[in-house]
Structure formats: C-alpha cells, structure tokens
PDB file of all heavy atoms in Angstrom:
ATOM      1  N   VAL A   1      75.994  56.602 130.511  1.00  0.00           N
ATOM      2  CA  VAL A   1      77.160  57.479 130.436  1.00  0.00           C
ATOM      3  C   VAL A   1      78.116  56.941 129.372  1.00  0.00           C
ATOM      4  O   VAL A   1      78.033  55.765 128.985  1.00  0.00           O
ATOM      5  CB  VAL A   1      77.883  57.588 131.798  1.00  0.00           C
ATOM      6  CG1 VAL A   1      76.969  58.227 132.835  1.00  0.00           C
ATOM      7  CG2 VAL A   1      78.368  56.238 132.269  1.00  0.00           C
ATOM      8  N   LYS A   2      79.034  57.777 128.926  1.00  0.00           N
ATOM      9  CA  LYS A   2      79.925  57.397 127.830  1.00  0.00           C
ATOM     10  C   LYS A   2      80.817  56.213 128.201  1.00  0.00           C
ATOM     11  O   LYS A   2      81.031  55.302 127.402  1.00  0.00           O
ATOM     12  CB  LYS A   2      80.786  58.598 127.435  1.00  0.00           C
ATOM     13  CG  LYS A   2      81.643  58.355 126.203  1.00  0.00           C
ATOM     14  CD  LYS A   2      82.409  59.600 125.792  1.00  0.00           C
ATOM     15  CE  LYS A   2      83.251  59.328 124.553  1.00  0.00           C
ATOM     16  NZ  LYS A   2      84.006  60.533 124.136  1.00  0.00           N
ATOM     17  N   THR A   3      81.334  56.214 129.428  1.00  0.00           N
ATOM     18  CA  THR A   3      82.239  55.140 129.849  1.00  0.00           C
ATOM     19  C   THR A   3      81.510  53.790 129.911  1.00  0.00           C
ATOM     20  O   THR A   3      82.040  52.765 129.487  1.00  0.00           O
ATOM     21  CB  THR A   3      82.849  55.458 131.223  1.00  0.00           C
ATOM     22  OG1 THR A   3      81.797  55.755 132.151  1.00  0.00           O
ATOM     23  CG2 THR A   3      83.787  56.649 131.130  1.00  0.00           C
ATOM     24  N   SER A   4      80.285  53.800 130.444  1.00  0.00           N
ATOM     25  CA  SER A   4      79.536  52.543 130.534  1.00  0.00           C
ATOM     26  C   SER A   4      79.129  52.043 129.151  1.00  0.00           C
ATOM     27  O   SER A   4      79.057  50.828 128.916  1.00  0.00           O
ATOM     28  CB  SER A   4      78.295  52.723 131.413  1.00  0.00           C
ATOM     29  OG  SER A   4      77.373  53.612 130.808  1.00  0.00           O
ATOM     30  N   LEU A   5      78.899  52.958 128.217  1.00  0.00           N
ATOM     31  CA  LEU A   5      78.536  52.582 126.854  1.00  0.00           C
ATOM     32  C   LEU A   5      79.687  51.863 126.165  1.00  0.00           C
ATOM     33  O   LEU A   5      79.504  50.801 125.553  1.00  0.00           O
ATOM     34  CB  LEU A   5      78.125  53.815 126.061  1.00  0.00           C
ATOM     35  CG  LEU A   5      77.622  53.581 124.633  1.00  0.00           C
ATOM     36  CD1 LEU A   5      76.353  52.747 124.639  1.00  0.00           C
ATOM     37  CD2 LEU A   5      77.384  54.916 123.927  1.00  0.00           C
ATOM     38  N   SER A   6      80.885  52.442 126.261  1.00  0.00           N
ATOM     39  CA  SER A   6      82.053  51.836 125.619  1.00  0.00           C
ATOM     40  C   SER A   6      82.426  50.510 126.282  1.00  0.00           C
ATOM     41  O   SER A   6      82.782  49.540 125.606  1.00  0.00           O
ATOM     42  CB  SER A   6      83.240  52.800 125.653  1.00  0.00           C
ATOM     43  OG  SER A   6      83.543  53.167 126.996  1.00  0.00           O
ATOM     44  N   LEU A   7      82.333  50.449 127.630  1.00  0.00           N
ATOM     45  CA  LEU A   7      82.665  49.225 128.349  1.00  0.00           C
ATOM     46  C   LEU A   7      81.659  48.113 128.035  1.00  0.00           C
ATOM     47  O   LEU A   7      82.048  46.956 127.826  1.00  0.00           O
ATOM     48  CB  LEU A   7      82.693  49.495 129.856  1.00  0.00           C
ATOM     49  CG  LEU A   7      83.012  48.302 130.759  1.00  0.00           C
ATOM     50  CD1 LEU A   7      84.396  47.755 130.454  1.00  0.00           C
ATOM     51  CD2 LEU A   7      82.888  48.677 132.229  1.00  0.00           C
ATOM     52  N   SER A   8      80.383  48.454 127.982  1.00  0.00           N
ATOM     53  CA  SER A   8      79.347  47.459 127.682  1.00  0.00           C
ATOM     54  C   SER A   8      79.511  46.903 126.277  1.00  0.00           C
ATOM     55  O   SER A   8      79.338  45.698 126.051  1.00  0.00           O
ATOM     56  CB  SER A   8      77.957  48.088 127.838  1.00  0.00           C
ATOM     57  OG  SER A   8      77.741  48.526 129.153  1.00  0.00           O
ATOM     58  N   TRP A   9      79.837  47.766 125.327  1.00  0.00           N
ATOM     59  CA  TRP A   9      80.044  47.321 123.952  1.00  0.00           C
ATOM     60  C   TRP A   9      81.244  46.382 123.850  1.00  0.00           C
ATOM     61  O   TRP A   9      81.194  45.354 123.161  1.00  0.00           O
ATOM     62  CB  TRP A   9      80.235  48.527 123.038  1.00  0.00           C
ATOM     63  CG  TRP A   9      80.564  48.190 121.618  1.00  0.00           C
ATOM     64  CD1 TRP A   9      81.714  48.473 120.946  1.00  0.00           C
ATOM     65  CD2 TRP A   9      79.743  47.485 120.676  1.00  0.00           C
ATOM     66  NE1 TRP A   9      81.669  48.004 119.655  1.00  0.00           N
ATOM     67  CE2 TRP A   9      80.455  47.391 119.465  1.00  0.00           C
ATOM     68  CE3 TRP A   9      78.467  46.923 120.752  1.00  0.00           C
ATOM     69  CZ2 TRP A   9      79.949  46.758 118.348  1.00  0.00           C
ATOM     70  CZ3 TRP A   9      77.964  46.285 119.624  1.00  0.00           C
ATOM     71  CH2 TRP A   9      78.698  46.217 118.437  1.00  0.00           C
ATOM     72  N   LEU A  10      82.328  46.703 124.585  1.00  0.00           N
ATOM     73  CA  LEU A  10      83.511  45.851 124.583  1.00  0.00           C
ATOM     74  C   LEU A  10      83.201  44.472 125.173  1.00  0.00           C
ATOM     75  O   LEU A  10      83.587  43.439 124.613  1.00  0.00           O
ATOM     76  CB  LEU A  10      84.639  46.527 125.382  1.00  0.00           C
ATOM     77  CG  LEU A  10      85.924  45.712 125.561  1.00  0.00           C
ATOM     78  CD1 LEU A  10      86.578  45.436 124.211  1.00  0.00           C
ATOM     79  CD2 LEU A  10      86.898  46.435 126.490  1.00  0.00           C
ATOM     80  N   ILE A  11      82.492  44.462 126.294  1.00  0.00           N
ATOM     81  CA  ILE A  11      82.139  43.196 126.933  1.00  0.00           C
ATOM     82  C   ILE A  11      81.209  42.377 126.038  1.00  0.00           C
ATOM     83  O   ILE A  11      81.346  41.157 125.922  1.00  0.00           O
ATOM     84  CB  ILE A  11      81.489  43.451 128.311  1.00  0.00           C
ATOM     85  CG1 ILE A  11      82.515  44.052 129.263  1.00  0.00           C
ATOM     86  CG2 ILE A  11      80.916  42.162 128.894  1.00  0.00           C
ATOM     87  CD1 ILE A  11      81.936  44.485 130.593  1.00  0.00           C
ATOM     88  N   PHE A  12      80.264  43.055 125.392  1.00  0.00           N
ATOM     89  CA  PHE A  12      79.323  42.371 124.507  1.00  0.00           C
ATOM     90  C   PHE A  12      80.042  41.698 123.341  1.00  0.00           C
ATOM     91  O   PHE A  12      79.804  40.515 123.040  1.00  0.00           O
ATOM     92  CB  PHE A  12      78.289  43.366 123.982  1.00  0.00           C
ATOM     93  CG  PHE A  12      77.350  42.779 122.971  1.00  0.00           C
ATOM     94  CD1 PHE A  12      76.292  41.983 123.372  1.00  0.00           C
ATOM     95  CD2 PHE A  12      77.525  43.031 121.616  1.00  0.00           C
ATOM     96  CE1 PHE A  12      75.420  41.429 122.441  1.00  0.00           C
ATOM     97  CE2 PHE A  12      76.659  42.491 120.677  1.00  0.00           C
ATOM     98  CZ  PHE A  12      75.609  41.691 121.094  1.00  0.00           C
ATOM     99  N   THR A  13      80.932  42.431 122.671  1.00  0.00           N
ATOM    100  CA  THR A  13      81.643  41.868 121.520  1.00  0.00           C
ATOM    101  C   THR A  13      82.587  40.748 121.953  1.00  0.00           C
ATOM    102  O   THR A  13      82.728  39.746 121.241  1.00  0.00           O
ATOM    103  CB  THR A  13      82.428  42.957 120.776  1.00  0.00           C
ATOM    104  OG1 THR A  13      83.315  43.631 121.697  1.00  0.00           O
ATOM    105  CG2 THR A  13      81.477  43.979 120.154  1.00  0.00           C
ATOM    106  N   ARG A  14      83.220  40.898 123.117  1.00  0.00           N
ATOM    107  CA  ARG A  14      84.127  39.852 123.609  1.00  0.00           C
ATOM    108  C   ARG A  14      83.341  38.573 123.932  1.00  0.00           C
ATOM    109  O   ARG A  14      83.783  37.476 123.595  1.00  0.00           O
ATOM    110  CB  ARG A  14      84.890  40.341 124.832  1.00  0.00           C
ATOM    111  CG  ARG A  14      85.747  39.268 125.502  1.00  0.00           C
ATOM    112  CD  ARG A  14      86.667  39.877 126.536  1.00  0.00           C
ATOM    113  NE  ARG A  14      87.776  40.567 125.910  1.00  0.00           N
ATOM    114  CZ  ARG A  14      88.489  41.514 126.512  1.00  0.00           C
ATOM    115  NH1 ARG A  14      88.179  41.912 127.731  1.00  0.00           N
ATOM    116  NH2 ARG A  14      89.514  42.067 125.886  1.00  0.00           N
ATOM    117  N   CYS A  15      82.211  38.730 124.600  1.00  0.00           N
ATOM    118  CA  CYS A  15      81.374  37.565 124.918  1.00  0.00           C
ATOM    119  C   CYS A  15      80.868  36.895 123.650  1.00  0.00           C
ATOM    120  O   CYS A  15      80.795  35.663 123.563  1.00  0.00           O
ATOM    121  CB  CYS A  15      80.197  37.983 125.797  1.00  0.00           C
ATOM    122  SG  CYS A  15      80.654  38.422 127.482  1.00  0.00           S
ATOM    123  N   LEU A  16      80.505  37.697 122.656  1.00  0.00           N
ATOM    124  CA  LEU A  16      80.025  37.156 121.387  1.00  0.00           C
ATOM    125  C   LEU A  16      81.129  36.354 120.694  1.00  0.00           C
ATOM    126  O   LEU A  16      80.869  35.274 120.147  1.00  0.00           O
ATOM    127  CB  LEU A  16      79.563  38.305 120.484  1.00  0.00           C
ATOM    128  CG  LEU A  16      78.777  37.926 119.222  1.00  0.00           C
ATOM    129  CD1 LEU A  16      77.464  37.250 119.607  1.00  0.00           C
ATOM    130  CD2 LEU A  16      78.502  39.179 118.387  1.00  0.00           C
ATOM    131  N   ALA A  17      82.354  36.877 120.741  1.00  0.00           N
ATOM    132  CA  ALA A  17      83.480  36.173 120.119  1.00  0.00           C
ATOM    133  C   ALA A  17      83.777  34.863 120.838  1.00  0.00           C
ATOM    134  O   ALA A  17      83.941  33.819 120.196  1.00  0.00           O
ATOM    135  CB  ALA A  17      84.715  37.073 120.138  1.00  0.00           C
ATOM    136  N   THR A  18      83.829  34.888 122.161  1.00  0.00           N
ATOM    137  CA  THR A  18      84.137  33.670 122.921  1.00  0.00           C
ATOM    138  C   THR A  18      83.019  32.633 122.788  1.00  0.00           C
ATOM    139  O   THR A  18      83.280  31.429 122.735  1.00  0.00           O
ATOM    140  CB  THR A  18      84.370  33.992 124.402  1.00  0.00           C
ATOM    141  OG1 THR A  18      83.267  34.750 124.919  1.00  0.00           O
ATOM    142  CG2 THR A  18      85.634  34.824 124.581  1.00  0.00           C
ATOM    143  N   LEU A  19      81.773  33.099 122.713  1.00  0.00           N
ATOM    144  CA  LEU A  19      80.654  32.185 122.522  1.00  0.00           C
ATOM    145  C   LEU A  19      80.722  31.523 121.152  1.00  0.00           C
ATOM    146  O   LEU A  19      80.460  30.315 121.015  1.00  0.00           O
ATOM    147  CB  LEU A  19      79.341  32.947 122.687  1.00  0.00           C
ATOM    148  CG  LEU A  19      78.046  32.128 122.694  1.00  0.00           C
ATOM    149  CD1 LEU A  19      78.057  31.129 123.849  1.00  0.00           C
ATOM    150  CD2 LEU A  19      76.833  33.049 122.822  1.00  0.00           C
ATOM    151  N   SER A  20      81.095  32.282 120.146  1.00  0.00           N
ATOM    152  CA  SER A  20      81.247  31.723 118.793  1.00  0.00           C
ATOM    153  C   SER A  20      82.366  30.687 118.753  1.00  0.00           C
ATOM    154  O   SER A  20      82.244  29.654 118.091  1.00  0.00           O
ATOM    155  CB  SER A  20      81.533  32.847 117.796  1.00  0.00           C
ATOM    156  OG  SER A  20      80.490  33.794 117.770  1.00  0.00           O
ATOM    157  N   ILE A  21      83.455  30.963 119.470  1.00  0.00           N
ATOM    158  CA  ILE A  21      84.567  30.008 119.536  1.00  0.00           C
ATOM    159  C   ILE A  21      84.122  28.730 120.250  1.00  0.00           C
ATOM    160  O   ILE A  21      84.471  27.612 119.848  1.00  0.00           O
ATOM    161  CB  ILE A  21      85.771  30.643 120.249  1.00  0.00           C
ATOM    162  CG1 ILE A  21      86.321  31.818 119.427  1.00  0.00           C
ATOM    163  CG2 ILE A  21      86.875  29.608 120.486  1.00  0.00           C
ATOM    164  CD1 ILE A  21      87.303  32.688 120.190  1.00  0.00           C
ATOM    165  N   ALA A  22      83.349  28.893 121.322  1.00  0.00           N
ATOM    166  CA  ALA A  22      82.845  27.730 122.063  1.00  0.00           C
ATOM    167  C   ALA A  22      81.963  26.857 121.182  1.00  0.00           C
ATOM    168  O   ALA A  22      82.075  25.618 121.200  1.00  0.00           O
ATOM    169  CB  ALA A  22      82.070  28.199 123.294  1.00  0.00           C
ATOM    170  N   TYR A  23      81.096  27.480 120.374  1.00  0.00           N
ATOM    171  CA  TYR A  23      80.236  26.712 119.475  1.00  0.00           C
ATOM    172  C   TYR A  23      81.025  26.093 118.333  1.00  0.00           C
ATOM    173  O   TYR A  23      80.685  25.000 117.862  1.00  0.00           O
ATOM    174  CB  TYR A  23      79.113  27.593 118.948  1.00  0.00           C
ATOM    175  CG  TYR A  23      77.982  27.769 119.932  1.00  0.00           C
ATOM    176  CD1 TYR A  23      77.380  29.006 120.125  1.00  0.00           C
ATOM    177  CD2 TYR A  23      77.510  26.705 120.688  1.00  0.00           C
ATOM    178  CE1 TYR A  23      76.349  29.174 121.035  1.00  0.00           C
ATOM    179  CE2 TYR A  23      76.486  26.857 121.597  1.00  0.00           C
ATOM    180  CZ  TYR A  23      75.914  28.096 121.769  1.00  0.00           C
ATOM    181  OH  TYR A  23      74.899  28.254 122.675  1.00  0.00           O
ATOM    182  N   PHE A  24      82.052  26.782 117.877  1.00  0.00           N
ATOM    183  CA  PHE A  24      82.933  26.183 116.859  1.00  0.00           C
ATOM    184  C   PHE A  24      83.553  24.902 117.401  1.00  0.00           C
ATOM    185  O   PHE A  24      83.579  23.862 116.720  1.00  0.00           O
ATOM    186  CB  PHE A  24      84.032  27.173 116.460  1.00  0.00           C
ATOM    187  CG  PHE A  24      85.147  26.550 115.665  1.00  0.00           C
ATOM    188  CD1 PHE A  24      85.018  26.357 114.300  1.00  0.00           C
ATOM    189  CD2 PHE A  24      86.318  26.135 116.294  1.00  0.00           C
ATOM    190  CE1 PHE A  24      86.037  25.759 113.565  1.00  0.00           C
ATOM    191  CE2 PHE A  24      87.342  25.547 115.571  1.00  0.00           C
ATOM    192  CZ  PHE A  24      87.202  25.362 114.205  1.00  0.00           C
ATOM    193  N   THR A  25      84.017  24.957 118.652  1.00  0.00           N
ATOM    194  CA  THR A  25      84.638  23.788 119.280  1.00  0.00           C
ATOM    195  C   THR A  25      83.624  22.662 119.476  1.00  0.00           C
ATOM    196  O   THR A  25      83.891  21.500 119.154  1.00  0.00           O
ATOM    197  CB  THR A  25      85.245  24.177 120.640  1.00  0.00           C
ATOM    198  OG1 THR A  25      86.165  25.260 120.460  1.00  0.00           O
ATOM    199  CG2 THR A  25      85.976  23.004 121.269  1.00  0.00           C
ATOM    200  N   ALA A  26      82.448  23.012 120.001  1.00  0.00           N
ATOM    201  CA  ALA A  26      81.435  21.998 120.304  1.00  0.00           C
ATOM    202  C   ALA A  26      80.844  21.358 119.053  1.00  0.00           C
ATOM    203  O   ALA A  26      80.490  20.175 119.064  1.00  0.00           O
ATOM    204  CB  ALA A  26      80.330  22.622 121.153  1.00  0.00           C
ATOM    205  N   LEU A  27      80.736  22.131 117.975  1.00  0.00           N
ATOM    206  CA  LEU A  27      80.076  21.644 116.766  1.00  0.00           C
ATOM    207  C   LEU A  27      81.016  20.976 115.769  1.00  0.00           C
ATOM    208  O   LEU A  27      80.553  20.287 114.853  1.00  0.00           O
ATOM    209  CB  LEU A  27      79.350  22.799 116.067  1.00  0.00           C
ATOM    210  CG  LEU A  27      78.126  23.369 116.795  1.00  0.00           C
ATOM    211  CD1 LEU A  27      77.676  24.661 116.138  1.00  0.00           C
ATOM    212  CD2 LEU A  27      76.991  22.357 116.827  1.00  0.00           C
ATOM    213  N   THR A  28      82.316  21.169 115.913  1.00  0.00           N
ATOM    214  CA  THR A  28      83.254  20.604 114.939  1.00  0.00           C
ATOM    215  C   THR A  28      84.232  19.595 115.547  1.00  0.00           C
ATOM    216  O   THR A  28      84.903  18.875 114.798  1.00  0.00           O
ATOM    217  CB  THR A  28      84.077  21.712 114.247  1.00  0.00           C
ATOM    218  OG1 THR A  28      84.867  22.413 115.230  1.00  0.00           O
ATOM    219  CG2 THR A  28      83.168  22.698 113.531  1.00  0.00           C
ATOM    220  N   ILE A  29      84.314  19.537 116.889  1.00  0.00           N
ATOM    221  CA  ILE A  29      85.248  18.604 117.528  1.00  0.00           C
ATOM    222  C   ILE A  29      84.462  17.632 118.400  1.00  0.00           C
ATOM    223  O   ILE A  29      84.045  17.990 119.510  1.00  0.00           O
ATOM    224  CB  ILE A  29      86.300  19.346 118.382  1.00  0.00           C
ATOM    225  CG1 ILE A  29      86.996  20.442 117.569  1.00  0.00           C
ATOM    226  CG2 ILE A  29      87.333  18.357 118.913  1.00  0.00           C
ATOM    227  CD1 ILE A  29      88.021  21.241 118.348  1.00  0.00           C
ATOM    228  N   PRO A  30      84.218  16.407 117.939  1.00  0.00           N
ATOM    229  CA  PRO A  30      83.499  15.415 118.761  1.00  0.00           C
ATOM    230  C   PRO A  30      84.318  15.003 119.977  1.00  0.00           C
ATOM    231  O   PRO A  30      85.525  15.263 120.053  1.00  0.00           O
ATOM    232  CB  PRO A  30      83.271  14.250 117.798  1.00  0.00           C
ATOM    233  CG  PRO A  30      84.300  14.415 116.737  1.00  0.00           C
ATOM    234  CD  PRO A  30      84.562  15.881 116.619  1.00  0.00           C
ATOM    235  N   VAL A  31      83.664  14.327 120.917  1.00  0.00           N
ATOM    236  CA  VAL A  31      84.307  14.036 122.202  1.00  0.00           C
ATOM    237  C   VAL A  31      85.518  13.122 122.045  1.00  0.00           C
ATOM    238  O   VAL A  31      86.499  13.258 122.787  1.00  0.00           O
ATOM    239  CB  VAL A  31      83.276  13.431 123.179  1.00  0.00           C
ATOM    240  CG1 VAL A  31      82.823  12.050 122.728  1.00  0.00           C
ATOM    241  CG2 VAL A  31      83.838  13.367 124.593  1.00  0.00           C
ATOM    242  N   ASN A  32      85.499  12.183 121.083  1.00  0.00           N
ATOM    243  CA  ASN A  32      86.658  11.305 120.911  1.00  0.00           C
ATOM    244  C   ASN A  32      87.893  12.088 120.457  1.00  0.00           C
ATOM    245  O   ASN A  32      89.027  11.775 120.845  1.00  0.00           O
ATOM    246  CB  ASN A  32      86.336  10.180 119.921  1.00  0.00           C
ATOM    247  CG  ASN A  32      85.942  10.687 118.555  1.00  0.00           C
ATOM    248  OD1 ASN A  32      85.375  11.768 118.422  1.00  0.00           O
ATOM    249  ND2 ASN A  32      86.226   9.919 117.519  1.00  0.00           N
ATOM    250  N   GLN A  33      87.666  13.169 119.666  1.00  0.00           N
ATOM    251  CA  GLN A  33      88.777  14.026 119.267  1.00  0.00           C
ATOM    252  C   GLN A  33      89.198  14.946 120.412  1.00  0.00           C
ATOM    253  O   GLN A  33      90.377  15.305 120.534  1.00  0.00           O
ATOM    254  CB  GLN A  33      88.392  14.848 118.035  1.00  0.00           C
ATOM    255  CG  GLN A  33      88.165  14.006 116.789  1.00  0.00           C
ATOM    256  CD  GLN A  33      87.856  14.849 115.562  1.00  0.00           C
ATOM    257  OE1 GLN A  33      87.821  16.083 115.610  1.00  0.00           O
ATOM    258  NE2 GLN A  33      87.617  14.181 114.434  1.00  0.00           N
ATOM    259  N   MET A  34      88.236  15.307 121.261  1.00  0.00           N
ATOM    260  CA  MET A  34      88.560  16.089 122.457  1.00  0.00           C
ATOM    261  C   MET A  34      89.532  15.319 123.349  1.00  0.00           C
ATOM    262  O   MET A  34      90.455  15.891 123.938  1.00  0.00           O
ATOM    263  CB  MET A  34      87.290  16.412 123.236  1.00  0.00           C
ATOM    264  CG  MET A  34      86.398  17.448 122.594  1.00  0.00           C
ATOM    265  SD  MET A  34      87.041  19.109 122.835  1.00  0.00           S
ATOM    266  CE  MET A  34      85.609  20.047 122.291  1.00  0.00           C
ATOM    267  N   VAL A  35      89.296  14.014 123.459  1.00  0.00           N
ATOM    268  CA  VAL A  35      90.176  13.162 124.270  1.00  0.00           C
ATOM    269  C   VAL A  35      91.595  13.176 123.706  1.00  0.00           C
ATOM    270  O   VAL A  35      92.576  13.251 124.459  1.00  0.00           O
ATOM    271  CB  VAL A  35      89.618  11.721 124.322  1.00  0.00           C
ATOM    272  CG1 VAL A  35      90.618  10.785 124.986  1.00  0.00           C
ATOM    273  CG2 VAL A  35      88.306  11.694 125.092  1.00  0.00           C
ATOM    274  N   VAL A  36      91.710  13.118 122.378  1.00  0.00           N
ATOM    275  CA  VAL A  36      93.029  13.172 121.729  1.00  0.00           C
ATOM    276  C   VAL A  36      93.737  14.470 122.076  1.00  0.00           C
ATOM    277  O   VAL A  36      94.939  14.477 122.416  1.00  0.00           O
ATOM    278  CB  VAL A  36      92.888  13.026 120.198  1.00  0.00           C
ATOM    279  CG1 VAL A  36      94.229  13.233 119.514  1.00  0.00           C
ATOM    280  CG2 VAL A  36      92.321  11.665 119.840  1.00  0.00           C
ATOM    281  N   ILE A  37      93.007  15.592 122.009  1.00  0.00           N
ATOM    282  CA  ILE A  37      93.592  16.903 122.319  1.00  0.00           C
ATOM    283  C   ILE A  37      94.027  16.966 123.780  1.00  0.00           C
ATOM    284  O   ILE A  37      95.130  17.442 124.094  1.00  0.00           O
ATOM    285  CB  ILE A  37      92.576  18.023 122.006  1.00  0.00           C
ATOM    286  CG1 ILE A  37      92.300  18.082 120.503  1.00  0.00           C
ATOM    287  CG2 ILE A  37      93.097  19.373 122.494  1.00  0.00           C
ATOM    288  CD1 ILE A  37      91.169  19.008 120.116  1.00  0.00           C
ATOM    289  N   MET A  38      93.170  16.479 124.686  1.00  0.00           N
ATOM    290  CA  MET A  38      93.508  16.531 126.116  1.00  0.00           C
ATOM    291  C   MET A  38      94.718  15.660 126.444  1.00  0.00           C
ATOM    292  O   MET A  38      95.531  16.003 127.297  1.00  0.00           O
ATOM    293  CB  MET A  38      92.288  16.111 126.947  1.00  0.00           C
ATOM    294  CG  MET A  38      91.175  17.139 126.960  1.00  0.00           C
ATOM    295  SD  MET A  38      89.813  16.745 128.090  1.00  0.00           S
ATOM    296  CE  MET A  38      88.993  15.436 127.160  1.00  0.00           C
ATOM    297  N   LYS A  39      94.838  14.521 125.753  1.00  0.00           N
ATOM    298  CA  LYS A  39      96.003  13.673 125.962  1.00  0.00           C
ATOM    299  C   LYS A  39      97.270  14.344 125.445  1.00  0.00           C
ATOM    300  O   LYS A  39      98.342  14.219 126.057  1.00  0.00           O
ATOM    301  CB  LYS A  39      95.792  12.324 125.274  1.00  0.00           C
ATOM    302  CG  LYS A  39      94.835  11.401 126.009  1.00  0.00           C
ATOM    303  CD  LYS A  39      94.739  10.044 125.335  1.00  0.00           C
ATOM    304  CE  LYS A  39      93.863   9.092 126.135  1.00  0.00           C
ATOM    305  NZ  LYS A  39      93.759   7.761 125.497  1.00  0.00           N
TER     306      LYS A  39
END
C-alpha cells in the first residue's frame, strides 16, 4: 500500500544514515580517543 511504501522507504534511509554514522565513528575514532570523548 502507499502508506507502507513511504514509511518503509523512510525507515530504510534513516537506518542507512545511522549505520553510516556508526561506521564513521568505529572506523575513524579509536578506543583511546573514545575514552577522551566520554571523559
């Protein structure tokens, strides 16, 4: 249906964006720098 199509596309793009951000964080910020941020 039209509503499920638009909602699924929104959820898909949002998940893709958040996943990309998560990989950006994991691949560019090592754990010692993570500790600095958390402090």
